[in-house]
N, C-alpha and C. Protein backbone atom coordinates (compact mmCIF):
# COMPACT_ATOMS: atom_id res chain seq x y z
N UNK A 1 -8.20 -38.48 -72.30
CA UNK A 1 -8.88 -38.06 -72.08
C UNK A 1 -9.93 -37.77 -73.22
N UNK A 2 -11.02 -37.58 -73.34
CA UNK A 2 -12.08 -37.26 -74.10
C UNK A 2 -11.94 -36.67 -75.62
N UNK A 3 -11.83 -37.20 -76.47
CA UNK A 3 -12.07 -36.23 -77.45
C UNK A 3 -13.32 -36.46 -78.81
N UNK A 4 -14.21 -35.21 -78.43
CA UNK A 4 -15.35 -34.95 -78.52
C UNK A 4 -15.63 -34.82 -80.36
N UNK A 5 -14.53 -34.22 -80.86
CA UNK A 5 -14.76 -33.43 -82.08
C UNK A 5 -15.55 -34.15 -82.86
N UNK A 6 -15.03 -35.99 -82.85
CA UNK A 6 -15.70 -36.73 -84.44
C UNK A 6 -16.96 -37.00 -83.88
N UNK A 7 -17.75 -37.38 -84.55
CA UNK A 7 -18.95 -38.68 -85.03
C UNK A 7 -19.40 -39.19 -83.06
N UNK A 8 -18.34 -39.72 -83.29
CA UNK A 8 -18.66 -40.80 -81.85
C UNK A 8 -17.31 -40.35 -80.58
N UNK A 9 -17.66 -40.14 -79.59
CA UNK A 9 -16.75 -40.11 -79.01
C UNK A 9 -14.55 -40.80 -78.85
N UNK A 10 -14.31 -40.39 -78.30
CA UNK A 10 -13.20 -41.86 -78.38
C UNK A 10 -12.34 -41.17 -76.99
N UNK A 11 -11.07 -41.87 -76.53
CA UNK A 11 -10.26 -42.09 -74.97
C UNK A 11 -9.36 -42.58 -75.24
N UNK A 12 -8.64 -41.58 -74.62
CA UNK A 12 -6.92 -41.82 -74.47
C UNK A 12 -6.82 -43.27 -73.70
N UNK A 13 -7.69 -43.60 -72.93
CA UNK A 13 -7.22 -45.24 -71.92
C UNK A 13 -8.94 -45.33 -70.80
N UNK A 14 -8.82 -46.76 -70.43
CA UNK A 14 -9.63 -46.79 -69.70
C UNK A 14 -9.89 -46.35 -68.35
N UNK A 15 -9.49 -45.20 -68.54
CA UNK A 15 -9.87 -44.57 -67.74
C UNK A 15 -11.36 -43.49 -67.87
N UNK A 16 -10.85 -43.50 -69.25
CA UNK A 16 -11.98 -42.30 -69.68
C UNK A 16 -12.88 -42.44 -69.77
N UNK A 17 -13.63 -44.71 -69.59
CA UNK A 17 -14.46 -44.45 -69.32
C UNK A 17 -15.85 -43.50 -68.25
N UNK A 18 -14.89 -43.06 -67.62
CA UNK A 18 -15.40 -43.05 -66.16
C UNK A 18 -15.76 -41.97 -66.32
N UNK A 19 -15.63 -40.66 -67.13
CA UNK A 19 -15.88 -39.98 -67.29
C UNK A 19 -17.01 -40.02 -68.86
N UNK A 20 -16.67 -40.80 -69.38
CA UNK A 20 -18.01 -40.96 -70.39
C UNK A 20 -19.37 -40.89 -69.66
N UNK A 21 -19.53 -42.13 -68.63
CA UNK A 21 -20.52 -42.87 -68.33
C UNK A 21 -21.27 -41.61 -67.32
N UNK A 22 -20.70 -40.43 -66.67
CA UNK A 22 -20.90 -39.62 -65.70
C UNK A 22 -21.68 -38.37 -65.99
N UNK A 23 -21.49 -38.36 -67.78
CA UNK A 23 -21.34 -37.46 -68.82
C UNK A 23 -22.96 -38.03 -69.14
N UNK A 24 -22.26 -39.67 -70.13
CA UNK A 24 -23.87 -40.23 -70.75
C UNK A 24 -25.24 -40.45 -69.48
N UNK A 25 -24.63 -40.52 -68.14
CA UNK A 25 -25.46 -41.10 -67.34
C UNK A 25 -27.10 -40.21 -67.22
N UNK A 26 -26.10 -38.40 -67.09
CA UNK A 26 -26.26 -37.26 -66.23
C UNK A 26 -26.10 -37.36 -64.31
N UNK A 27 -25.40 -38.59 -64.27
CA UNK A 27 -24.65 -38.55 -62.51
C UNK A 27 -23.43 -38.69 -62.47
N UNK A 28 -23.26 -36.77 -62.18
CA UNK A 28 -21.59 -37.16 -61.34
C UNK A 28 -21.42 -37.74 -60.40
N UNK A 29 -21.94 -37.95 -59.79
CA UNK A 29 -22.01 -39.52 -58.14
C UNK A 29 -21.93 -40.80 -58.54
N UNK A 30 -21.70 -40.92 -59.68
CA UNK A 30 -21.52 -42.05 -60.29
C UNK A 30 -20.68 -43.12 -60.26
N UNK A 31 -20.59 -44.30 -59.35
CA UNK A 31 -19.93 -45.48 -59.01
C UNK A 31 -19.31 -46.11 -59.50
N UNK A 32 -18.28 -46.01 -60.25
CA UNK A 32 -17.19 -46.87 -61.72
C UNK A 32 -16.55 -47.50 -61.40
N UNK A 33 -16.09 -48.84 -62.16
CA UNK A 33 -15.51 -49.89 -60.94
C UNK A 33 -15.16 -50.62 -62.14
N UNK A 34 -13.56 -51.08 -62.26
CA UNK A 34 -13.40 -52.05 -63.34
C UNK A 34 -14.09 -53.07 -64.18
N UNK A 35 -14.18 -54.51 -65.03
CA UNK A 35 -14.18 -55.14 -65.14
C UNK A 35 -12.37 -55.38 -65.09
N UNK A 36 -12.05 -56.44 -64.31
CA UNK A 36 -11.12 -57.24 -64.39
C UNK A 36 -10.46 -58.82 -64.56
N UNK A 37 -9.89 -59.20 -65.09
CA UNK A 37 -10.41 -60.74 -65.28
C UNK A 37 -10.00 -61.45 -63.69
N UNK A 38 -10.57 -62.28 -63.57
CA UNK A 38 -10.29 -63.24 -62.70
C UNK A 38 -8.98 -63.81 -62.04
N UNK A 39 -8.76 -64.36 -63.98
CA UNK A 39 -7.93 -65.28 -64.16
C UNK A 39 -6.46 -64.42 -64.14
N UNK A 40 -5.89 -63.98 -65.29
CA UNK A 40 -4.79 -62.73 -65.22
C UNK A 40 -4.77 -61.36 -65.04
N UNK A 41 -5.69 -61.03 -64.55
CA UNK A 41 -5.71 -59.03 -64.08
C UNK A 41 -5.83 -58.21 -65.58
N UNK A 42 -5.99 -58.96 -66.23
CA UNK A 42 -5.82 -58.41 -68.18
C UNK A 42 -7.32 -57.45 -68.19
N UNK A 43 -7.91 -55.92 -68.94
CA UNK A 43 -8.64 -55.49 -68.85
C UNK A 43 -9.14 -55.34 -70.15
N UNK A 44 -8.72 -56.05 -70.49
CA UNK A 44 -9.19 -56.41 -72.13
C UNK A 44 -10.22 -57.39 -73.03
N UNK A 45 -11.54 -57.40 -72.71
CA UNK A 45 -12.39 -58.73 -73.51
C UNK A 45 -13.52 -57.92 -74.42
N UNK A 46 -13.78 -59.55 -74.79
CA UNK A 46 -14.51 -59.84 -75.72
C UNK A 46 -15.95 -59.68 -75.16
N UNK A 47 -17.19 -59.06 -75.33
CA UNK A 47 -18.78 -59.20 -75.34
C UNK A 47 -19.49 -59.20 -75.92
N UNK A 48 -19.99 -60.09 -74.75
CA UNK A 48 -21.65 -60.66 -75.53
C UNK A 48 -23.14 -60.35 -74.53
N UNK A 49 -23.60 -59.36 -75.54
CA UNK A 49 -24.90 -58.66 -74.53
C UNK A 49 -24.86 -58.95 -75.51
N UNK A 50 -26.66 -59.26 -74.67
CA UNK A 50 -28.56 -59.28 -74.72
C UNK A 50 -29.37 -57.60 -73.96
N UNK A 51 -29.06 -56.71 -75.39
CA UNK A 51 -30.01 -55.47 -74.64
C UNK A 51 -31.79 -55.92 -74.13
N UNK A 52 -32.22 -56.45 -74.93
CA UNK A 52 -33.36 -57.27 -74.85
C UNK A 52 -34.02 -57.81 -73.13
N UNK A 53 -32.68 -58.06 -72.95
CA UNK A 53 -32.11 -58.75 -71.41
C UNK A 53 -31.64 -58.17 -70.73
N UNK A 54 -31.22 -57.00 -71.05
CA UNK A 54 -30.10 -56.08 -70.14
C UNK A 54 -28.84 -57.14 -69.28
N UNK A 55 -28.23 -57.86 -70.29
CA UNK A 55 -27.21 -59.57 -69.85
C UNK A 55 -25.99 -59.05 -71.20
N UNK A 56 -24.97 -59.62 -69.88
CA UNK A 56 -23.60 -59.65 -70.27
C UNK A 56 -22.77 -60.56 -70.39
N UNK A 57 -21.89 -60.78 -71.21
CA UNK A 57 -21.01 -61.62 -70.49
C UNK A 57 -19.37 -61.27 -71.24
N UNK A 58 -18.89 -61.67 -70.03
CA UNK A 58 -17.34 -60.97 -70.80
C UNK A 58 -16.01 -62.17 -71.09
N UNK A 59 -15.29 -62.05 -72.51
CA UNK A 59 -14.04 -63.19 -71.91
C UNK A 59 -13.23 -62.39 -71.94
N UNK A 60 -12.53 -62.33 -70.97
CA UNK A 60 -10.84 -62.13 -71.00
C UNK A 60 -10.23 -62.09 -72.89
N UNK A 61 -9.26 -62.13 -73.40
CA UNK A 61 -8.80 -61.43 -74.77
C UNK A 61 -7.05 -62.21 -74.73
N UNK A 62 -6.82 -61.92 -73.56
CA UNK A 62 -5.39 -62.62 -72.71
C UNK A 62 -5.83 -64.58 -72.31
N UNK A 63 -6.60 -64.51 -71.57
CA UNK A 63 -6.53 -65.07 -71.43
C UNK A 63 -8.06 -66.09 -71.64
N UNK A 64 -8.55 -66.22 -72.21
CA UNK A 64 -9.83 -66.91 -72.22
C UNK A 64 -10.69 -66.71 -71.50
N UNK A 65 -10.35 -66.82 -70.33
CA UNK A 65 -11.57 -66.93 -69.36
C UNK A 65 -13.18 -65.81 -69.13
N UNK A 66 -14.16 -66.28 -69.04
CA UNK A 66 -14.93 -66.08 -69.05
C UNK A 66 -16.15 -66.17 -68.60
N UNK A 67 -17.39 -64.74 -68.54
CA UNK A 67 -17.47 -64.92 -66.65
C UNK A 67 -19.00 -63.96 -67.34
N UNK A 68 -20.38 -64.63 -67.07
CA UNK A 68 -21.36 -63.49 -66.63
C UNK A 68 -21.35 -62.76 -65.54
N UNK A 69 -21.05 -61.41 -65.68
CA UNK A 69 -20.89 -60.43 -64.94
C UNK A 69 -22.21 -60.02 -63.96
N UNK A 70 -22.71 -59.15 -63.05
CA UNK A 70 -23.63 -58.78 -62.26
C UNK A 70 -24.41 -59.59 -61.30
N UNK A 71 -25.98 -59.64 -62.00
CA UNK A 71 -27.08 -60.34 -61.62
C UNK A 71 -27.47 -60.80 -63.39
N UNK A 72 -27.07 -61.20 -64.29
CA UNK A 72 -27.43 -61.83 -65.46
C UNK A 72 -27.21 -63.08 -65.75
N UNK A 73 -26.72 -64.19 -64.60
CA UNK A 73 -26.45 -65.60 -64.85
C UNK A 73 -27.67 -65.56 -64.81
N UNK A 74 -28.81 -64.69 -63.66
CA UNK A 74 -29.80 -65.80 -63.50
C UNK A 74 -30.74 -65.30 -64.73
N UNK A 75 -30.27 -65.04 -65.79
CA UNK A 75 -31.39 -64.18 -67.59
C UNK A 75 -30.49 -65.13 -68.31
N UNK A 76 -29.51 -65.58 -68.33
CA UNK A 76 -28.54 -65.53 -69.39
C UNK A 76 -29.51 -67.19 -70.40
N UNK A 77 -29.50 -67.36 -69.08
CA UNK A 77 -30.55 -68.82 -69.97
C UNK A 77 -31.35 -68.52 -71.54
N UNK A 78 -32.01 -67.12 -70.86
CA UNK A 78 -33.15 -66.72 -71.82
C UNK A 78 -32.49 -65.89 -72.56
N UNK A 79 -31.08 -65.84 -72.50
CA UNK A 79 -30.48 -64.11 -73.79
C UNK A 79 -30.17 -64.60 -74.55
N UNK A 80 -30.37 -63.52 -75.72
CA UNK A 80 -29.98 -64.33 -77.24
C UNK A 80 -28.92 -63.39 -77.63
N UNK A 81 -27.61 -63.11 -76.73
CA UNK A 81 -26.97 -61.94 -77.13
C UNK A 81 -25.81 -62.76 -78.46
N UNK A 82 -25.17 -61.52 -78.92
CA UNK A 82 -24.88 -60.83 -79.51
C UNK A 82 -23.20 -60.13 -79.04
N UNK A 83 -22.80 -60.61 -79.78
CA UNK A 83 -21.07 -59.47 -79.89
C UNK A 83 -21.17 -57.88 -79.96
N UNK A 84 -20.32 -58.29 -79.40
CA UNK A 84 -20.14 -56.82 -79.24
C UNK A 84 -18.69 -56.03 -80.66
N UNK A 85 -18.92 -54.72 -80.77
CA UNK A 85 -18.34 -55.40 -81.96
C UNK A 85 -18.07 -53.77 -82.80
N UNK A 86 -17.00 -52.46 -82.15
CA UNK A 86 -17.14 -51.42 -82.98
C UNK A 86 -17.78 -51.22 -84.15
N UNK A 87 -18.51 -49.60 -84.14
CA UNK A 87 -18.92 -49.66 -85.01
C UNK A 87 -18.01 -48.53 -86.08
N UNK A 88 -16.55 -48.48 -84.84
CA UNK A 88 -15.56 -47.83 -86.12
C UNK A 88 -14.99 -48.12 -86.70
N UNK A 89 -14.28 -49.50 -85.95
CA UNK A 89 -13.08 -50.21 -87.14
C UNK A 89 -12.95 -51.64 -86.78
N UNK A 90 -14.59 -52.35 -86.33
CA UNK A 90 -14.54 -53.05 -86.24
C UNK A 90 -14.07 -53.97 -85.90
N UNK A 91 -13.39 -53.94 -84.75
CA UNK A 91 -12.54 -54.91 -83.20
C UNK A 91 -13.80 -54.96 -82.26
N UNK A 92 -12.86 -56.20 -81.98
CA UNK A 92 -14.39 -57.25 -80.37
C UNK A 92 -13.36 -56.93 -79.37
N UNK A 93 -12.51 -55.79 -79.06
CA UNK A 93 -11.62 -55.56 -78.20
C UNK A 93 -11.51 -54.85 -77.94
N UNK A 94 -12.67 -54.52 -76.18
CA UNK A 94 -12.79 -53.71 -75.06
C UNK A 94 -11.78 -53.80 -73.62
N UNK A 95 -12.16 -52.37 -72.71
CA UNK A 95 -11.92 -51.64 -71.80
C UNK A 95 -13.84 -52.29 -71.41
N UNK A 96 -13.94 -52.88 -70.00
CA UNK A 96 -15.25 -52.78 -69.67
C UNK A 96 -15.68 -51.93 -67.94
N UNK A 97 -15.91 -51.02 -68.02
CA UNK A 97 -16.49 -50.57 -66.85
C UNK A 97 -18.09 -51.17 -66.39
N UNK A 98 -17.97 -50.67 -65.02
CA UNK A 98 -19.68 -50.38 -64.76
C UNK A 98 -19.89 -49.24 -64.18
N UNK A 99 -21.14 -49.14 -64.35
CA UNK A 99 -21.02 -47.82 -63.14
C UNK A 99 -21.96 -47.76 -62.91
N UNK A 100 -22.49 -47.54 -61.05
CA UNK A 100 -23.64 -47.58 -60.69
C UNK A 100 -23.90 -46.62 -59.99
N UNK A 101 -25.55 -46.25 -60.03
CA UNK A 101 -26.37 -44.90 -59.30
C UNK A 101 -26.61 -45.86 -58.44
N UNK A 102 -26.66 -45.04 -57.06
CA UNK A 102 -27.31 -45.43 -55.55
C UNK A 102 -27.89 -45.10 -55.36
N UNK A 103 -28.83 -45.36 -54.20
CA UNK A 103 -30.37 -44.83 -53.61
C UNK A 103 -29.65 -44.33 -52.28
N UNK A 104 -29.75 -43.75 -51.68
CA UNK A 104 -30.05 -42.56 -50.07
C UNK A 104 -28.87 -43.63 -49.24
N UNK A 105 -29.85 -44.96 -49.53
CA UNK A 105 -29.08 -46.47 -48.39
C UNK A 105 -27.71 -47.01 -49.05
N UNK A 106 -27.30 -46.70 -49.89
CA UNK A 106 -26.48 -47.49 -50.61
C UNK A 106 -26.32 -48.12 -51.29
N UNK A 107 -27.36 -48.28 -51.29
CA UNK A 107 -27.83 -49.95 -52.97
C UNK A 107 -28.29 -49.66 -54.17
N UNK A 108 -27.64 -50.46 -54.90
CA UNK A 108 -27.55 -49.75 -56.18
C UNK A 108 -29.84 -49.82 -57.31
N UNK A 109 -29.35 -48.58 -57.47
CA UNK A 109 -30.44 -48.19 -58.36
C UNK A 109 -30.86 -48.43 -60.24
N UNK A 110 -29.60 -48.69 -60.25
CA UNK A 110 -29.52 -48.32 -61.42
C UNK A 110 -27.93 -48.56 -62.60
N UNK A 111 -28.34 -49.41 -62.89
CA UNK A 111 -26.87 -49.81 -63.92
C UNK A 111 -26.06 -49.35 -65.19
N UNK A 112 -25.42 -49.38 -65.44
CA UNK A 112 -24.19 -48.59 -67.37
C UNK A 112 -23.42 -49.83 -67.63
N UNK A 113 -23.38 -50.37 -67.95
CA UNK A 113 -22.18 -50.95 -68.56
C UNK A 113 -21.59 -50.42 -69.72
N UNK A 114 -20.03 -49.08 -69.23
CA UNK A 114 -19.41 -48.69 -70.19
C UNK A 114 -18.41 -49.29 -70.86
N UNK A 115 -18.42 -48.76 -71.72
CA UNK A 115 -17.09 -50.45 -72.80
C UNK A 115 -15.80 -48.45 -73.65
N UNK A 116 -14.82 -49.15 -73.75
CA UNK A 116 -13.83 -48.27 -74.71
C UNK A 116 -13.13 -48.92 -75.65
N UNK A 117 -13.32 -48.84 -77.02
CA UNK A 117 -13.33 -50.30 -77.97
C UNK A 117 -10.97 -50.36 -77.29
N UNK A 118 -10.63 -51.08 -77.50
CA UNK A 118 -9.32 -51.27 -76.96
C UNK A 118 -8.11 -50.41 -78.39
N UNK A 119 -8.45 -50.72 -79.68
CA UNK A 119 -8.16 -50.55 -80.60
C UNK A 119 -8.06 -49.35 -81.36
N UNK A 120 -9.05 -48.46 -81.50
CA UNK A 120 -9.39 -47.38 -81.87
C UNK A 120 -9.69 -46.44 -80.64
N UNK A 121 -10.22 -47.26 -79.24
CA UNK A 121 -10.48 -45.48 -78.79
C UNK A 121 -12.01 -45.82 -77.60
N UNK A 122 -13.22 -45.45 -79.13
CA UNK A 122 -13.81 -45.34 -79.38
C UNK A 122 -15.43 -45.58 -78.08
N UNK A 123 -15.73 -44.59 -77.54
CA UNK A 123 -16.96 -44.76 -76.33
C UNK A 123 -18.20 -45.17 -76.26
N UNK A 124 -19.01 -46.07 -75.17
CA UNK A 124 -19.83 -46.56 -75.98
C UNK A 124 -20.79 -47.49 -74.13
N UNK A 125 -21.76 -47.35 -74.89
CA UNK A 125 -22.26 -48.30 -73.87
C UNK A 125 -23.63 -48.84 -73.91
N UNK A 126 -23.41 -50.12 -73.76
CA UNK A 126 -24.18 -51.26 -74.80
C UNK A 126 -25.50 -50.81 -74.37
N UNK A 127 -25.16 -51.16 -72.75
CA UNK A 127 -26.20 -52.29 -71.90
C UNK A 127 -26.81 -50.52 -70.43
N UNK A 128 -27.54 -50.50 -70.12
CA UNK A 128 -28.18 -49.83 -69.12
C UNK A 128 -29.39 -50.65 -68.19
N UNK A 129 -29.77 -50.54 -66.96
CA UNK A 129 -30.94 -51.11 -66.18
C UNK A 129 -31.11 -50.44 -65.26
N UNK A 130 -32.16 -50.29 -64.49
CA UNK A 130 -32.64 -50.62 -63.47
C UNK A 130 -32.89 -51.25 -62.37
N UNK A 131 -32.47 -52.05 -61.36
CA UNK A 131 -32.68 -52.48 -60.15
C UNK A 131 -33.96 -51.90 -59.63
N UNK A 132 -34.19 -53.36 -59.39
CA UNK A 132 -35.76 -53.11 -58.32
C UNK A 132 -36.02 -53.78 -57.27
N UNK A 133 -34.85 -54.61 -57.47
CA UNK A 133 -34.27 -55.59 -55.86
C UNK A 133 -33.09 -54.64 -54.53
N UNK A 134 -33.69 -55.59 -53.58
CA UNK A 134 -32.59 -54.91 -52.86
C UNK A 134 -32.39 -56.31 -51.21
N UNK A 135 -31.25 -56.22 -50.94
CA UNK A 135 -29.41 -55.72 -51.19
C UNK A 135 -29.46 -56.21 -52.87
N UNK A 136 -28.19 -55.55 -52.59
CA UNK A 136 -27.54 -55.33 -54.24
C UNK A 136 -26.45 -55.53 -54.16
N UNK A 137 -25.37 -56.26 -52.62
CA UNK A 137 -24.36 -56.11 -52.56
C UNK A 137 -23.44 -56.78 -53.90
N UNK A 138 -24.48 -58.87 -53.50
CA UNK A 138 -24.10 -59.94 -54.42
C UNK A 138 -23.68 -59.58 -55.13
N UNK A 139 -25.07 -58.36 -56.47
CA UNK A 139 -24.90 -58.01 -57.68
C UNK A 139 -23.47 -57.64 -57.83
N UNK A 140 -23.05 -56.02 -57.26
CA UNK A 140 -21.73 -55.37 -56.99
C UNK A 140 -20.53 -56.06 -57.03
N UNK A 141 -20.56 -57.33 -56.82
CA UNK A 141 -19.62 -57.87 -56.48
C UNK A 141 -19.07 -59.55 -57.67
N UNK A 142 -20.03 -59.11 -58.23
CA UNK A 142 -20.28 -60.14 -59.21
C UNK A 142 -19.78 -59.26 -60.56
N UNK A 143 -18.40 -59.11 -60.99
CA UNK A 143 -18.00 -57.51 -61.92
C UNK A 143 -16.83 -58.48 -61.54
């Protein structure tokens, strides 16, 4: 459940990212997918983001597995990423989910990265960007 009583919204669990992205994007039909470690299955990550390039990399806090997600591999070399740090408690440990807004034909037209601080529950979105290409299934499967 989302607590909206403070300056920043907070969630009790990673599932609250789904509702947060629906409210943040204004799209009730947003398709939200969890980011899970491909090695150990954990849902807790350090994140590196470049807002200008719309690029993100995650690193599992359990096993250290790193992955550049979505279509960010193509632009990662040009990116200047910084570590995501919770503005409230200064933790670098996040749950991450990806929200897809779809075109009528099912392909993705916009991506939202939702995050929740694993320590204090602060909800946010470091990145969102429009997708101008099709098909998008390769990008969608790279989370």
